[in-house]
Amino acid sequence: MSGATLAGDPEKGDAIVTREHNNLDNIPPKKPGIFRRIYLTFRRTYCPLEDPPLVLPSGPTDEEKYFYIHTNRIPLYILGVLAFLSLSAGMWLFALCSVIFSWFGFFVGLLQIYLLISYFVGVIGKDFDLASHDSLLEEFPVNEKTAPTVDIYLPCCKEPLEILENTYNHISKLEYPKGKLQVHVMDDGNMEEVRLLAERYGFHYSVRDDRPRLKKAGNLRWTFARTSADFFAIFDADFCPRSDFLLELMPEHLADNKTAIVQTPQFFRVREDQTWVEQGAGATQELFYRVVQVNRNKWGASICVGSNAMYRREALEPVGGTAEIGFSEDVHTGFGAVDRGWKVKYIPICLATGVCPDNPRAFFSQQMRWARGSTTLLTNPHFWTSNLSLMQKVCYLCGLMYYSAISLSIFISPIPGILLLWLRPEYFKYYNLAFAIPSIVYGLLLFRFWAKAKYGMNVQHIMVIQSYAYLTAIKDRLLGINLHWVPSGDAKAHKNHKYRNMRILCWTWTFFTLGGMISAVVWRLTHDLPWYHTLPLIILSVYNTYLAHYFLLYCG
């Protein structure tokens, strides 16, 4: 008998088994060996051969809409100040314990100035008044008689068609009086598929004749010169608004005719089916949009971030639209409006959901571009002679100091322990790390309880990439190297030497610090230093290497 079949009724729970003795295809494959499994796991984790599946967003839910209303900033800042004081004490003790470490005091001073200003702005800031906003919605209702005309700008450049279709589907559901709304698809990629998609939704499609001048900014200015609505809203290719987006923002404009821009958060939903980059990148944005922007709004110093905002045409007409700069035109547009006497208002109501970069290279490019926008603005002499108030300038200055502090932390963080062990072992004690423990706990645990998004270890991995992206932006600004803007959704456009060079630097610095730590530990242990004094330094060095390992190894 060549085969046997055992039949039964599956509805009664009977098994159905078929055996074919002579069919070699049914023989299960041999289980790979342990080294083969390790290799396959490594390739799957760090060197994926295929692009990750797209995780398309939808507009914020009714619950998510109000996620950022309550900042809960007081406990956040109180514990932050305590962690800051503890870390500062430890760093100053290191800088002052020997004249050969006195140079370290310069960097400690810079870090302290930034944190003092940042905490000062945060502590005396003002929470958003939702009741006042709701009263404006009642006082200035948007209907057929009161509604001004609105243009929707949808710039795109070779983003995946699935993302564009998802966005256009949400745009088509925007609630606004009929005949008062016009949607413009501005395609710098000149793709026939995008034209057909725009026509299917009844949107106006255009391809400018001066591509690629000024990249996205050039696209926005070109369209601005050919449209005429009283207001316009901008959505990046991946952002999906709620249907009530315009109805929530227009009353803010109608209530104050000196408001140039009403900005809302760039909200990112963190999900299990996203890549580690998407999860970490989405969670890192919450602090800025939930706390920092709200605090700055007290002095009219919230920054414009481009997408998810509504602009008053009258405020930008004298300068031909958004800022004429090839990158981070949003920050410069908001600054220019305030400089000319207009207002930028921020409301922390989540009205649109976006997509974060799904791979380290794209995330690096995005963060480098954002940092370059702030550094370019604040290193421009016009900023310091502008009409901004002192507090507005201080708030903008915080941005530059933030990027500088994060960049310097790459080199500052691992240095004290290694140098102390090499040069002043008599001061090297296991309890030295106690000064840093509050800061470590603050970053790892407190934010997990505070954040609305899932705040996991992927955030820590992402922050390493951020640090090197900011370092690149500052270095390029100091050296006068131009930045070429590329859309975040075009994965092929992110292949540049800057990302490669920063990975090389990260490898070099990691080897240098690990090598310095290991050699110092071995040397001092052979010269009668108790082993337990070195244990905290070893643990901290291993932990820092773990945080950087995705940036070091990931080559997908």
Protein backbone atom coordinates (compact mmCIF):
# COMPACT_ATOMS: atom_id res chain seq x y z
CA MET A 1 0.00 0.00 0.00
CA SER A 2 1.53 3.29 -1.12
CA GLY A 3 -0.53 5.58 1.05
CA ALA A 4 -3.21 5.72 3.69
CA THR A 5 -5.97 8.18 4.49
CA LEU A 6 -7.87 8.52 7.73
CA ALA A 7 -11.05 10.43 7.11
CA GLY A 8 -13.53 11.90 9.52
CA ASP A 9 -16.02 14.69 9.97
CA PRO A 10 -14.21 17.91 10.80
CA GLU A 11 -17.41 19.46 12.14
CA LYS A 12 -17.43 16.82 14.89
CA GLY A 13 -13.82 17.39 15.74
CA ASP A 14 -12.51 14.37 13.87
CA ALA A 15 -8.97 14.61 12.55
CA ILE A 16 -8.28 14.25 8.86
CA VAL A 17 -4.86 12.80 8.24
CA THR A 18 -3.36 11.83 4.91
CA ARG A 19 -0.09 9.91 4.64
CA GLU A 20 1.80 9.42 1.41
CA HIS A 21 4.82 7.20 2.09
CA ASN A 22 6.26 7.58 -1.37
CA ASN A 23 5.90 11.39 -1.62
CA LEU A 24 9.26 12.95 -0.69
CA ASP A 25 7.74 16.44 -0.87
CA ASN A 26 5.95 15.82 2.42
CA ILE A 27 9.18 15.24 4.33
CA PRO A 28 9.70 18.25 6.64
CA PRO A 29 12.83 20.29 5.92
CA LYS A 30 15.81 19.75 8.14
CA LYS A 31 16.01 22.25 10.98
CA PRO A 32 18.95 24.62 10.43
CA GLY A 33 21.82 24.50 12.87
CA ILE A 34 22.27 26.99 15.66
CA PHE A 35 24.84 29.11 13.79
CA ARG A 36 22.61 29.22 10.73
CA ARG A 37 19.66 30.32 12.88
CA ILE A 38 21.77 33.04 14.49
CA TYR A 39 22.83 34.27 11.05
CA LEU A 40 19.24 34.30 9.74
CA THR A 41 18.03 36.15 12.82
CA PHE A 42 20.79 38.73 12.41
CA ARG A 43 19.94 39.24 8.73
CA ARG A 44 16.24 39.55 9.47
CA THR A 45 16.82 42.05 12.29
CA TYR A 46 19.66 44.21 10.98
CA CYS A 47 19.86 43.59 7.21
CA PRO A 48 16.32 43.07 5.87
CA LEU A 49 16.25 42.44 2.15
CA GLU A 50 12.73 43.76 1.65
CA ASP A 51 11.12 47.06 2.51
CA PRO A 52 8.86 46.88 5.58
CA PRO A 53 5.12 46.84 4.89
CA LEU A 54 3.43 50.22 4.84
CA VAL A 55 1.38 50.99 7.93
CA LEU A 56 -1.14 53.53 6.73
CA PRO A 57 -2.50 56.06 9.23
CA SER A 58 -6.03 57.22 9.83
CA GLY A 59 -7.14 60.48 11.39
CA PRO A 60 -6.93 60.81 15.18
CA THR A 61 -9.82 59.24 17.06
CA ASP A 62 -12.06 61.30 19.35
CA GLU A 63 -9.89 60.20 22.29
CA GLU A 64 -6.57 60.85 20.53
CA LYS A 65 -7.78 64.28 19.47
CA TYR A 66 -7.32 65.56 23.02
CA PHE A 67 -4.23 63.54 24.00
CA TYR A 68 -2.05 66.66 24.24
CA ILE A 69 -4.47 68.98 26.05
CA HIS A 70 -3.08 68.24 29.51
CA THR A 71 0.69 68.66 29.64
CA ASN A 72 1.19 67.35 33.21
CA ARG A 73 4.33 69.48 33.00
CA ILE A 74 4.78 70.40 36.67
CA PRO A 75 5.84 66.94 37.95
CA LEU A 76 7.79 66.49 34.72
CA TYR A 77 9.79 69.65 35.33
CA ILE A 78 10.17 69.24 39.09
CA LEU A 79 11.71 65.79 38.68
CA GLY A 80 13.67 67.04 35.69
CA VAL A 81 15.20 69.85 37.73
CA LEU A 82 16.18 67.41 40.48
CA ALA A 83 17.83 65.12 37.94
CA PHE A 84 19.54 68.13 36.37
CA LEU A 85 20.93 69.33 39.71
CA SER A 86 22.24 65.88 40.58
CA LEU A 87 23.94 65.42 37.21
CA SER A 88 25.36 68.96 37.29
CA ALA A 89 26.88 68.37 40.71
CA GLY A 90 28.61 65.23 39.48
CA MET A 91 29.96 66.91 36.35
CA TRP A 92 31.27 69.92 38.25
CA LEU A 93 32.96 67.68 40.83
CA PHE A 94 34.72 65.96 37.95
CA ALA A 95 35.71 69.24 36.27
CA LEU A 96 37.08 70.69 39.52
CA CYS A 97 38.79 67.62 40.97
CA SER A 98 41.93 68.32 38.95
CA VAL A 99 43.26 71.12 36.80
CA ILE A 100 43.66 68.71 33.89
CA PHE A 101 39.87 68.31 33.79
CA SER A 102 39.04 72.02 34.01
CA TRP A 103 38.32 72.22 30.25
CA PHE A 104 35.28 70.02 30.88
CA GLY A 105 33.70 72.92 32.78
CA PHE A 106 33.14 74.79 29.50
CA PHE A 107 30.83 72.06 28.19
CA VAL A 108 29.12 71.68 31.56
CA GLY A 109 28.42 75.41 31.54
CA LEU A 110 26.87 75.29 28.06
CA LEU A 111 24.66 72.38 29.06
CA GLN A 112 23.55 74.13 32.24
CA ILE A 113 22.68 77.36 30.42
CA TYR A 114 20.48 75.43 27.99
CA LEU A 115 18.73 73.43 30.72
CA LEU A 116 18.21 76.49 32.92
CA ILE A 117 16.58 78.41 30.07
CA SER A 118 14.55 75.39 29.00
CA TYR A 119 13.23 74.69 32.49
CA PHE A 120 12.56 78.38 33.10
CA VAL A 121 10.42 78.61 29.96
CA GLY A 122 8.67 75.38 30.89
CA VAL A 123 7.91 76.17 34.52
CA ILE A 124 6.44 79.62 33.89
CA GLY A 125 4.63 78.51 30.74
CA LYS A 126 0.87 78.35 30.45
CA ASP A 127 -1.34 75.36 29.69
CA PHE A 128 -3.76 75.44 26.78
CA ASP A 129 -7.27 76.69 27.58
CA LEU A 130 -9.60 74.25 25.86
CA ALA A 131 -12.71 75.99 27.20
CA SER A 132 -11.62 79.25 25.57
CA HIS A 133 -11.07 77.45 22.27
CA ASP A 134 -14.50 75.82 22.45
CA SER A 135 -16.09 79.21 23.11
CA LEU A 136 -14.51 80.52 19.90
CA LEU A 137 -16.11 77.66 17.99
CA GLU A 138 -19.51 78.84 19.23
CA GLU A 139 -18.80 82.55 18.81
CA PHE A 140 -17.40 82.23 15.27
CA PRO A 141 -19.30 79.36 13.63
CA VAL A 142 -18.26 78.31 10.15
CA ASN A 143 -21.21 78.15 7.76
CA GLU A 144 -22.21 79.10 4.23
CA LYS A 145 -22.33 82.80 5.10
CA THR A 146 -19.26 83.16 7.35
CA ALA A 147 -16.81 80.71 5.79
CA PRO A 148 -13.87 82.29 3.95
CA THR A 149 -12.42 80.49 0.94
CA VAL A 150 -9.73 77.88 1.61
CA ASP A 151 -7.11 76.17 -0.54
CA ILE A 152 -5.63 72.83 0.48
CA TYR A 153 -2.01 72.39 -0.62
CA LEU A 154 -0.87 68.78 -1.04
CA PRO A 155 2.80 68.82 -2.16
CA CYS A 156 4.23 65.45 -3.14
CA CYS A 157 7.36 64.05 -4.75
CA LYS A 158 7.55 60.32 -5.51
CA GLU A 159 5.98 59.08 -2.30
CA PRO A 160 4.37 55.61 -2.47
CA LEU A 161 1.02 55.73 -4.22
CA GLU A 162 -0.65 53.88 -1.34
CA ILE A 163 0.27 56.70 1.04
CA LEU A 164 -1.02 59.37 -1.33
CA GLU A 165 -4.31 57.59 -1.91
CA ASN A 166 -4.84 57.17 1.82
CA THR A 167 -4.21 60.89 2.37
CA TYR A 168 -6.44 61.97 -0.51
CA ASN A 169 -9.24 59.78 0.80
CA HIS A 170 -9.10 61.62 4.14
CA ILE A 171 -8.82 65.02 2.45
CA SER A 172 -11.95 64.28 0.42
CA LYS A 173 -13.92 63.93 3.67
CA LEU A 174 -13.05 67.37 5.06
CA GLU A 175 -16.14 69.20 6.28
CA TYR A 176 -16.48 72.72 4.89
CA PRO A 177 -19.21 74.72 3.12
CA LYS A 178 -19.61 73.71 -0.49
CA GLY A 179 -17.93 75.95 -3.05
CA LYS A 180 -15.52 77.44 -0.51
CA LEU A 181 -12.84 74.72 -0.67
CA GLN A 182 -10.34 73.86 -3.42
CA VAL A 183 -7.76 71.04 -3.18
CA HIS A 184 -4.45 71.28 -5.06
CA VAL A 185 -2.14 68.32 -5.67
CA MET A 186 1.32 69.75 -6.41
CA ASP A 187 3.41 66.97 -7.90
CA ASP A 188 7.15 67.60 -8.09
CA GLY A 189 7.58 63.96 -9.12
CA ASN A 190 5.54 64.46 -12.31
CA MET A 191 3.97 61.00 -12.04
CA GLU A 192 1.08 60.00 -14.28
CA GLU A 193 -0.32 57.76 -11.53
CA VAL A 194 -0.58 60.75 -9.19
CA ARG A 195 -2.37 62.80 -11.84
CA LEU A 196 -4.94 60.07 -12.35
CA LEU A 197 -5.39 59.70 -8.60
CA ALA A 198 -5.94 63.44 -8.15
CA GLU A 199 -8.47 63.50 -10.97
CA ARG A 200 -10.33 60.55 -9.45
CA TYR A 201 -10.86 62.56 -6.26
CA GLY A 202 -11.72 65.74 -8.15
CA PHE A 203 -8.59 67.61 -7.02
CA HIS A 204 -6.72 70.16 -9.10
CA TYR A 205 -3.40 68.70 -10.31
CA SER A 206 -0.33 70.72 -11.24
CA VAL A 207 3.34 70.24 -12.08
CA ARG A 208 5.36 73.43 -11.85
CA ASP A 209 7.61 74.51 -14.68
CA ASP A 210 10.61 75.47 -12.52
CA ARG A 211 11.31 72.12 -10.84
CA PRO A 212 13.35 71.45 -8.75
CA ARG A 213 13.99 75.05 -7.65
CA LEU A 214 13.89 75.31 -3.83
CA LYS A 215 12.38 71.81 -3.61
CA LYS A 216 9.22 71.80 -1.45
CA ALA A 217 9.42 75.53 -0.71
CA GLY A 218 9.57 76.29 -4.42
CA ASN A 219 6.54 74.10 -5.00
CA LEU A 220 4.56 75.92 -2.30
CA ARG A 221 5.53 79.37 -3.58
CA TRP A 222 4.70 78.43 -7.18
CA THR A 223 1.23 77.28 -6.15
CA PHE A 224 0.71 80.29 -3.87
CA ALA A 225 1.24 82.60 -6.86
CA ARG A 226 -1.50 80.77 -8.78
CA THR A 227 -4.18 80.48 -6.11
CA SER A 228 -6.27 83.13 -4.39
CA ALA A 229 -8.24 81.73 -1.43
CA ASP A 230 -8.34 83.75 1.79
CA PHE A 231 -6.63 80.93 3.69
CA PHE A 232 -4.70 77.80 2.83
CA ALA A 233 -3.80 74.63 4.72
CA ILE A 234 -0.78 72.43 4.04
CA PHE A 235 -0.60 68.67 4.48
CA ASP A 236 2.49 66.63 3.84
CA ALA A 237 1.93 63.58 1.65
CA ASP A 238 1.43 61.20 4.58
CA PHE A 239 -0.78 63.26 6.91
CA CYS A 240 -4.43 62.24 7.22
CA PRO A 241 -6.68 64.90 8.78
CA ARG A 242 -9.88 64.45 10.71
CA SER A 243 -12.98 65.64 8.89
CA ASP A 244 -13.36 68.56 11.35
CA PHE A 245 -9.84 69.93 10.78
CA LEU A 246 -10.92 73.17 9.08
CA LEU A 247 -13.86 73.72 11.41
CA GLU A 248 -11.54 73.60 14.45
CA LEU A 249 -8.95 76.02 13.05
CA MET A 250 -10.95 78.62 11.15
CA PRO A 251 -12.57 80.20 14.26
CA GLU A 252 -9.08 80.88 15.66
CA HIS A 253 -8.38 82.96 12.54
CA LEU A 254 -11.78 84.66 12.54
CA ALA A 255 -11.38 85.67 16.19
CA ASP A 256 -8.10 87.53 15.57
CA ASN A 257 -7.31 89.09 12.21
CA LYS A 258 -3.62 89.40 13.19
CA THR A 259 -3.17 85.64 13.36
CA ALA A 260 -1.08 84.52 10.40
CA ILE A 261 -0.74 80.80 11.17
CA VAL A 262 -2.64 78.38 13.37
CA GLN A 263 -0.47 75.31 13.93
CA THR A 264 -1.61 71.92 15.25
CA PRO A 265 0.50 68.93 16.34
CA GLN A 266 2.09 66.45 14.02
CA PHE A 267 0.58 63.38 15.66
CA PHE A 268 2.04 59.91 15.16
CA ARG A 269 0.32 56.75 16.33
CA VAL A 270 2.69 54.09 17.73
CA ARG A 271 1.66 50.55 16.74
CA GLU A 272 3.03 47.04 17.14
CA ASP A 273 3.16 46.41 13.38
CA GLN A 274 5.51 49.34 12.77
CA THR A 275 9.28 49.11 12.50
CA TRP A 276 11.43 49.99 15.49
CA VAL A 277 12.29 53.27 13.77
CA GLU A 278 8.65 54.27 13.34
CA GLN A 279 7.82 53.36 16.93
CA GLY A 280 10.73 55.29 18.40
CA ALA A 281 10.38 58.29 16.09
CA GLY A 282 6.67 58.66 16.78
CA ALA A 283 7.09 58.59 20.55
CA THR A 284 9.91 61.15 20.57
CA GLN A 285 7.64 63.85 19.10
CA GLU A 286 5.18 63.90 21.99
CA LEU A 287 7.25 66.04 24.36
CA PHE A 288 7.67 68.78 21.76
CA TYR A 289 4.03 68.97 20.66
CA ARG A 290 2.47 68.32 24.06
CA VAL A 291 4.69 70.52 26.24
CA VAL A 292 7.32 72.62 24.44
CA GLN A 293 5.04 74.19 21.83
CA VAL A 294 2.37 74.90 24.45
CA ASN A 295 4.89 76.63 26.73
CA ARG A 296 6.22 78.77 23.88
CA ASN A 297 2.70 79.76 22.88
CA LYS A 298 2.48 82.00 25.99
CA TRP A 299 4.90 84.43 24.33
CA GLY A 300 3.73 83.87 20.77
CA ALA A 301 6.92 81.92 20.06
CA SER A 302 5.52 78.57 18.94
CA ILE A 303 7.18 77.56 15.71
CA CYS A 304 5.46 76.74 12.47
CA VAL A 305 6.18 73.16 11.40
CA GLY A 306 4.55 73.36 7.98
CA SER A 307 2.06 70.53 7.78
CA ASN A 308 -1.23 70.47 9.71
CA ALA A 309 -1.45 74.26 9.81
CA MET A 310 -3.76 76.91 8.36
CA TYR A 311 -2.24 80.09 6.92
CA ARG A 312 -3.75 83.53 6.28
CA ARG A 313 -2.97 84.57 2.72
CA GLU A 314 -2.88 88.28 3.61
CA ALA A 315 0.01 87.67 6.02
CA LEU A 316 2.23 85.99 3.42
CA GLU A 317 1.30 87.91 0.26
CA PRO A 318 3.93 90.66 0.73
CA VAL A 319 6.71 88.04 0.60
CA GLY A 320 5.20 85.81 -2.08
CA GLY A 321 4.11 82.97 0.22
CA THR A 322 6.17 80.66 2.39
CA ALA A 323 9.84 81.40 3.03
CA GLU A 324 12.15 81.28 0.02
CA ILE A 325 14.61 78.72 1.33
CA GLY A 326 15.37 75.19 0.16
CA PHE A 327 14.86 73.44 3.51
CA SER A 328 12.84 73.94 6.71
CA GLU A 329 10.85 76.70 5.05
CA ASP A 330 8.18 76.19 7.71
CA VAL A 331 10.29 77.50 10.62
CA HIS A 332 11.45 80.48 8.56
CA THR A 333 7.88 81.20 7.40
CA GLY A 334 6.62 81.41 10.97
CA PHE A 335 9.57 83.53 12.08
CA GLY A 336 9.09 85.91 9.16
CA ALA A 337 5.41 86.35 9.94
CA VAL A 338 6.12 87.21 13.60
CA ASP A 339 8.91 89.57 12.53
CA ARG A 340 6.40 91.44 10.33
CA GLY A 341 3.97 91.86 13.24
CA TRP A 342 1.72 88.84 12.76
CA LYS A 343 1.00 86.01 15.21
CA VAL A 344 1.69 82.29 15.10
CA LYS A 345 -0.75 80.43 17.32
CA TYR A 346 -0.47 76.82 18.45
CA ILE A 347 -3.37 74.66 19.61
CA PRO A 348 -2.44 71.19 20.96
CA ILE A 349 -5.48 69.46 19.46
CA CYS A 350 -4.47 66.45 17.37
CA LEU A 351 -6.30 66.80 14.07
CA ALA A 352 -4.09 64.84 11.65
CA THR A 353 -2.00 61.68 11.85
CA GLY A 354 1.21 61.12 9.90
CA VAL A 355 3.77 58.46 9.09
CA CYS A 356 7.27 58.48 10.56
CA PRO A 357 10.31 57.33 8.56
CA ASP A 358 10.52 53.53 8.71
CA ASN A 359 14.29 53.12 8.40
CA PRO A 360 17.32 54.74 10.08
CA ARG A 361 18.63 56.43 6.93
CA ALA A 362 15.36 58.24 6.22
CA PHE A 363 14.99 59.22 9.88
CA PHE A 364 18.56 60.55 9.95
CA SER A 365 17.86 62.67 6.86
CA GLN A 366 14.65 64.07 8.36
CA GLN A 367 16.23 64.98 11.69
CA MET A 368 19.26 66.53 10.00
CA ARG A 369 16.94 68.71 7.92
CA TRP A 370 14.95 69.86 10.94
CA ALA A 371 18.08 70.72 12.89
CA ARG A 372 19.54 72.59 9.94
CA GLY A 373 16.43 74.77 9.77
CA SER A 374 16.86 76.03 13.34
CA THR A 375 20.63 76.43 13.13
CA THR A 376 20.33 78.39 9.89
CA LEU A 377 17.75 80.74 11.38
CA LEU A 378 19.58 81.47 14.61
CA THR A 379 22.98 81.94 12.99
CA ASN A 380 21.51 84.53 10.63
CA PRO A 381 22.34 88.09 11.84
CA HIS A 382 18.80 89.21 10.96
CA PHE A 383 17.38 87.02 13.71
CA TRP A 384 19.15 89.05 16.40
CA THR A 385 18.02 92.39 14.96
CA SER A 386 14.46 91.25 14.23
CA ASN A 387 11.29 92.63 15.81
CA LEU A 388 10.80 89.58 18.01
CA SER A 389 10.52 90.22 21.74
CA LEU A 390 13.26 89.12 24.10
CA MET A 391 11.27 86.09 25.31
CA GLN A 392 10.46 85.08 21.74
CA LYS A 393 14.15 85.14 20.88
CA VAL A 394 14.94 83.15 24.02
CA CYS A 395 12.41 80.50 22.99
CA TYR A 396 13.92 80.23 19.52
CA LEU A 397 17.39 80.13 21.07
CA CYS A 398 16.32 77.07 23.08
CA GLY A 399 15.97 75.18 19.81
CA LEU A 400 19.57 75.83 18.75
CA MET A 401 20.86 75.05 22.23
CA TYR A 402 18.87 71.80 22.30
CA TYR A 403 20.48 70.58 19.08
CA SER A 404 23.91 71.64 20.34
CA ALA A 405 23.47 69.96 23.73
CA ILE A 406 22.28 66.68 22.22
CA SER A 407 25.19 66.68 19.77
CA LEU A 408 27.77 67.38 22.48
CA SER A 409 26.35 64.58 24.63
CA ILE A 410 27.84 62.08 22.15
CA PHE A 411 31.31 63.01 23.36
CA ILE A 412 30.65 64.38 26.85
CA SER A 413 28.74 61.47 28.38
CA PRO A 414 31.36 58.68 28.29
CA ILE A 415 34.45 60.81 28.94
CA PRO A 416 34.45 61.54 32.72
CA GLY A 417 34.52 57.95 33.98
CA ILE A 418 37.25 56.84 31.58
CA LEU A 419 39.52 59.84 32.20
CA LEU A 420 39.04 59.64 35.95
CA LEU A 421 39.98 55.97 35.98
CA TRP A 422 43.08 56.58 33.86
CA LEU A 423 44.38 59.79 35.43
CA ARG A 424 42.90 60.13 38.93
CA PRO A 425 42.10 56.62 40.20
CA GLU A 426 42.08 57.85 43.80
CA TYR A 427 38.80 59.66 43.01
CA PHE A 428 37.28 56.73 41.16
CA LYS A 429 34.57 55.16 43.35
CA TYR A 430 31.60 52.96 42.61
CA TYR A 431 29.20 55.56 44.02
CA ASN A 432 30.28 58.24 41.52
CA LEU A 433 27.56 56.97 39.21
CA ALA A 434 24.94 57.96 41.78
CA PHE A 435 24.99 61.51 40.38
CA ALA A 436 23.78 60.21 37.00
CA ILE A 437 21.17 57.73 38.25
CA PRO A 438 18.33 60.32 38.56
CA SER A 439 18.86 61.37 34.93
CA ILE A 440 18.90 57.75 33.74
CA VAL A 441 15.72 56.95 35.67
CA TYR A 442 14.12 60.18 34.42
CA GLY A 443 14.71 59.24 30.80
CA LEU A 444 13.91 55.55 31.06
CA LEU A 445 11.01 55.36 33.51
CA LEU A 446 9.33 58.72 34.07
CA PHE A 447 8.53 59.28 30.41
CA ARG A 448 6.96 55.82 30.20
CA PHE A 449 4.36 56.88 32.78
CA TRP A 450 3.92 60.39 31.38
CA ALA A 451 3.67 59.67 27.66
CA LYS A 452 0.44 58.86 25.87
CA ALA A 453 2.36 56.94 23.22
CA LYS A 454 4.13 53.67 23.93
CA TYR A 455 7.52 54.86 25.17
CA GLY A 456 9.84 51.85 24.89
CA MET A 457 13.54 51.20 24.37
CA ASN A 458 13.17 52.00 20.67
CA VAL A 459 13.03 55.65 21.73
CA GLN A 460 16.50 55.33 23.25
CA HIS A 461 17.84 53.71 20.07
CA ILE A 462 16.32 56.48 17.98
CA MET A 463 17.86 59.20 20.13
CA VAL A 464 21.34 57.95 19.24
CA ILE A 465 20.56 58.49 15.54
CA GLN A 466 19.12 61.91 16.39
CA SER A 467 22.35 62.92 18.10
CA TYR A 468 24.48 62.17 15.05
CA ALA A 469 21.95 63.81 12.71
CA TYR A 470 22.06 67.01 14.78
CA LEU A 471 25.85 66.86 14.85
CA THR A 472 25.88 66.66 11.05
CA ALA A 473 23.55 69.65 10.71
CA ILE A 474 25.65 71.82 13.03
CA LYS A 475 28.90 70.72 11.40
CA ASP A 476 27.55 71.49 7.92
CA ARG A 477 26.32 74.90 9.02
CA LEU A 478 29.69 75.80 10.53
CA LEU A 479 31.51 74.65 7.40
CA GLY A 480 29.04 76.28 5.02
CA ILE A 481 28.00 72.99 3.40
CA ASN A 482 24.64 73.19 1.63
CA LEU A 483 21.84 70.78 2.50
CA HIS A 484 19.92 69.13 -0.32
CA TRP A 485 16.30 68.57 0.68
CA VAL A 486 14.66 65.23 -0.07
CA PRO A 487 11.12 64.12 0.80
CA SER A 488 10.89 61.78 3.78
CA GLY A 489 8.73 59.37 1.81
CA ASP A 490 11.20 58.84 -1.02
CA ALA A 491 13.44 56.12 0.40
CA LYS A 492 15.83 56.08 -2.57
CA ALA A 493 16.65 59.75 -2.10
CA HIS A 494 18.17 59.24 1.33
CA LYS A 495 21.27 57.39 0.16
CA ASN A 496 23.97 59.94 0.90
CA HIS A 497 27.43 59.97 2.38
CA LYS A 498 26.41 61.96 5.47
CA TYR A 499 24.62 59.00 7.01
CA ARG A 500 27.51 56.70 6.13
CA ASN A 501 30.07 59.09 7.60
CA MET A 502 28.18 59.40 10.87
CA ARG A 503 27.98 55.62 11.18
CA ILE A 504 31.74 55.47 10.69
CA LEU A 505 32.16 58.13 13.38
CA CYS A 506 29.86 56.18 15.71
CA TRP A 507 31.85 52.98 15.13
CA THR A 508 35.12 54.85 15.73
CA TRP A 509 33.91 56.58 18.88
CA THR A 510 32.40 53.37 20.25
CA PHE A 511 35.65 51.46 19.73
CA PHE A 512 37.62 54.33 21.24
CA THR A 513 35.49 54.64 24.38
CA LEU A 514 35.04 50.89 24.86
CA GLY A 515 38.74 50.32 24.30
CA GLY A 516 39.63 53.11 26.69
CA MET A 517 37.27 51.74 29.31
CA ILE A 518 38.45 48.12 29.02
CA SER A 519 42.14 48.98 29.04
CA ALA A 520 41.70 51.36 31.99
CA VAL A 521 39.77 48.74 33.98
CA VAL A 522 42.35 46.03 33.29
CA TRP A 523 45.21 48.37 34.13
CA ARG A 524 43.73 49.54 37.43
CA LEU A 525 42.59 46.08 38.50
CA THR A 526 46.18 44.89 38.14
CA HIS A 527 47.24 47.79 40.37
CA ASP A 528 45.07 46.91 43.36
CA LEU A 529 41.90 48.90 42.58
CA PRO A 530 38.93 46.97 44.06
CA TRP A 531 36.87 45.41 41.27
CA TYR A 532 33.54 46.71 42.54
CA HIS A 533 34.60 50.31 41.89
CA THR A 534 34.78 49.57 38.15
CA LEU A 535 31.49 47.69 37.89
CA PRO A 536 29.20 50.75 37.40
CA LEU A 537 31.43 52.08 34.61
CA ILE A 538 31.40 48.70 32.86
CA ILE A 539 27.61 48.45 33.10
CA LEU A 540 27.13 52.02 31.83
CA SER A 541 29.51 51.46 28.89
CA VAL A 542 27.77 48.24 27.89
CA TYR A 543 24.39 49.98 28.16
CA ASN A 544 25.50 52.89 25.95
CA THR A 545 26.83 50.42 23.38
CA TYR A 546 23.50 48.60 23.45
CA LEU A 547 21.68 51.86 22.75
CA ALA A 548 23.93 52.53 19.75
CA HIS A 549 23.95 49.00 18.34
CA TYR A 550 21.02 49.53 15.94
CA PHE A 551 22.75 52.54 14.41
CA LEU A 552 26.01 50.61 14.23
CA LEU A 553 24.67 47.37 12.76
CA TYR A 554 21.51 48.21 10.83
CA CYS A 555 22.14 48.24 7.09
CA GLY A 556 18.69 47.61 5.68
